[in-house]
């Protein structure tokens, strides 16, 4: 996985954590759910990139 992709995925994951936390703190269930979805999406992207890396080796 390219370094840029790793950084992008991690920043998306952290952004999701922030959204989730803000949603939880403000009782905004929609924002909290969006944050969780962002985190899941980021983790899926990371897994796909890891599989790509495994086949490159």
C-alpha atoms as a PDB file:
ATOM      1  CA  UNK A   1       0.000   0.000   0.000  1.00  0.00           C
ATOM      2  CA  UNK A   2       1.316   3.405  -0.885  1.00  0.00           C
ATOM      3  CA  UNK A   3       2.186   5.650   1.999  1.00  0.00           C
ATOM      4  CA  UNK A   4      -0.320   8.254   0.774  1.00  0.00           C
ATOM      5  CA  UNK A   5      -3.117   5.662   0.855  1.00  0.00           C
ATOM      6  CA  UNK A   6      -2.198   4.686   4.408  1.00  0.00           C
ATOM      7  CA  UNK A   7      -2.292   8.307   5.525  1.00  0.00           C
ATOM      8  CA  UNK A   8      -5.620   8.921   3.768  1.00  0.00           C
ATOM      9  CA  UNK A   9      -7.201   5.836   5.307  1.00  0.00           C
ATOM     10  CA  UNK A  10      -5.951   6.655   8.796  1.00  0.00           C
ATOM     11  CA  UNK A  11      -7.136  10.257   8.548  1.00  0.00           C
ATOM     12  CA  UNK A  12     -10.558   9.020   7.413  1.00  0.00           C
ATOM     13  CA  UNK A  13     -10.652   6.613  10.349  1.00  0.00           C
ATOM     14  CA  UNK A  14      -9.693   9.365  12.810  1.00  0.00           C
ATOM     15  CA  UNK A  15     -12.273  11.695  11.287  1.00  0.00           C
ATOM     16  CA  UNK A  16     -14.868   8.993  11.843  1.00  0.00           C
ATOM     17  CA  UNK A  17     -13.838   8.666  15.470  1.00  0.00           C
ATOM     18  CA  UNK A  18     -14.191  12.414  15.932  1.00  0.00           C
ATOM     19  CA  UNK A  19     -17.639  12.408  14.296  1.00  0.00           C
ATOM     20  CA  UNK A  20     -18.715   9.512  16.471  1.00  0.00           C
ATOM     21  CA  UNK A  21     -17.493  11.250  19.623  1.00  0.00           C
ATOM     22  CA  UNK A  22     -19.151  14.552  18.765  1.00  0.00           C
ATOM     23  CA  UNK A  23     -22.361  12.737  17.905  1.00  0.00           C
ATOM     24  CA  UNK A  24     -22.289  10.894  21.205  1.00  0.00           C
ATOM     25  CA  UNK A  25     -21.533  14.083  23.163  1.00  0.00           C
ATOM     26  CA  UNK A  26     -24.342  16.031  21.502  1.00  0.00           C
ATOM     27  CA  UNK A  27     -26.860  13.170  21.411  1.00  0.00           C
ATOM     28  CA  UNK A  28     -26.847  13.317  17.598  1.00  0.00           C
ATOM     29  CA  UNK A  29     -27.460   9.698  16.645  1.00  0.00           C
ATOM     30  CA  UNK A  30     -27.097  10.413  12.922  1.00  0.00           C
ATOM     31  CA  UNK A  31     -23.646  11.985  13.332  1.00  0.00           C
ATOM     32  CA  UNK A  32     -22.560   9.145  15.600  1.00  0.00           C
ATOM     33  CA  UNK A  33     -23.718   6.596  12.993  1.00  0.00           C
ATOM     34  CA  UNK A  34     -21.904   8.477  10.216  1.00  0.00           C
ATOM     35  CA  UNK A  35     -18.720   8.381  12.263  1.00  0.00           C
ATOM     36  CA  UNK A  36     -19.011   4.643  12.770  1.00  0.00           C
ATOM     37  CA  UNK A  37     -19.695   4.157   9.056  1.00  0.00           C
ATOM     38  CA  UNK A  38     -16.632   6.235   8.136  1.00  0.00           C
ATOM     39  CA  UNK A  39     -14.491   4.078  10.409  1.00  0.00           C
ATOM     40  CA  UNK A  40     -15.818   0.842   8.897  1.00  0.00           C
ATOM     41  CA  UNK A  41     -15.268   2.141   5.364  1.00  0.00           C
ATOM     42  CA  UNK A  42     -11.705   3.110   6.204  1.00  0.00           C
ATOM     43  CA  UNK A  43     -10.976  -0.309   7.700  1.00  0.00           C
ATOM     44  CA  UNK A  44     -12.354  -2.038   4.592  1.00  0.00           C
ATOM     45  CA  UNK A  45     -10.123   0.122   2.376  1.00  0.00           C
ATOM     46  CA  UNK A  46      -7.120  -0.745   4.551  1.00  0.00           C
ATOM     47  CA  UNK A  47      -7.921  -4.462   4.290  1.00  0.00           C
ATOM     48  CA  UNK A  48      -8.201  -4.254   0.494  1.00  0.00           C
ATOM     49  CA  UNK A  49      -4.874  -2.454   0.283  1.00  0.00           C
ATOM     50  CA  UNK A  50      -3.266  -5.079   2.533  1.00  0.00           C
ATOM     51  CA  UNK A  51      -4.505  -7.845   0.238  1.00  0.00           C
ATOM     52  CA  UNK A  52      -3.091  -5.984  -2.761  1.00  0.00           C
ATOM     53  CA  UNK A  53       0.246  -5.671  -0.956  1.00  0.00           C
ATOM     54  CA  UNK A  54       0.279  -9.401  -0.184  1.00  0.00           C
ATOM     55  CA  UNK A  55      -0.084 -10.265  -3.853  1.00  0.00           C
ATOM     56  CA  UNK A  56       2.643  -7.829  -4.893  1.00  0.00           C
ATOM     57  CA  UNK A  57       5.223  -9.602  -2.751  1.00  0.00           C
END
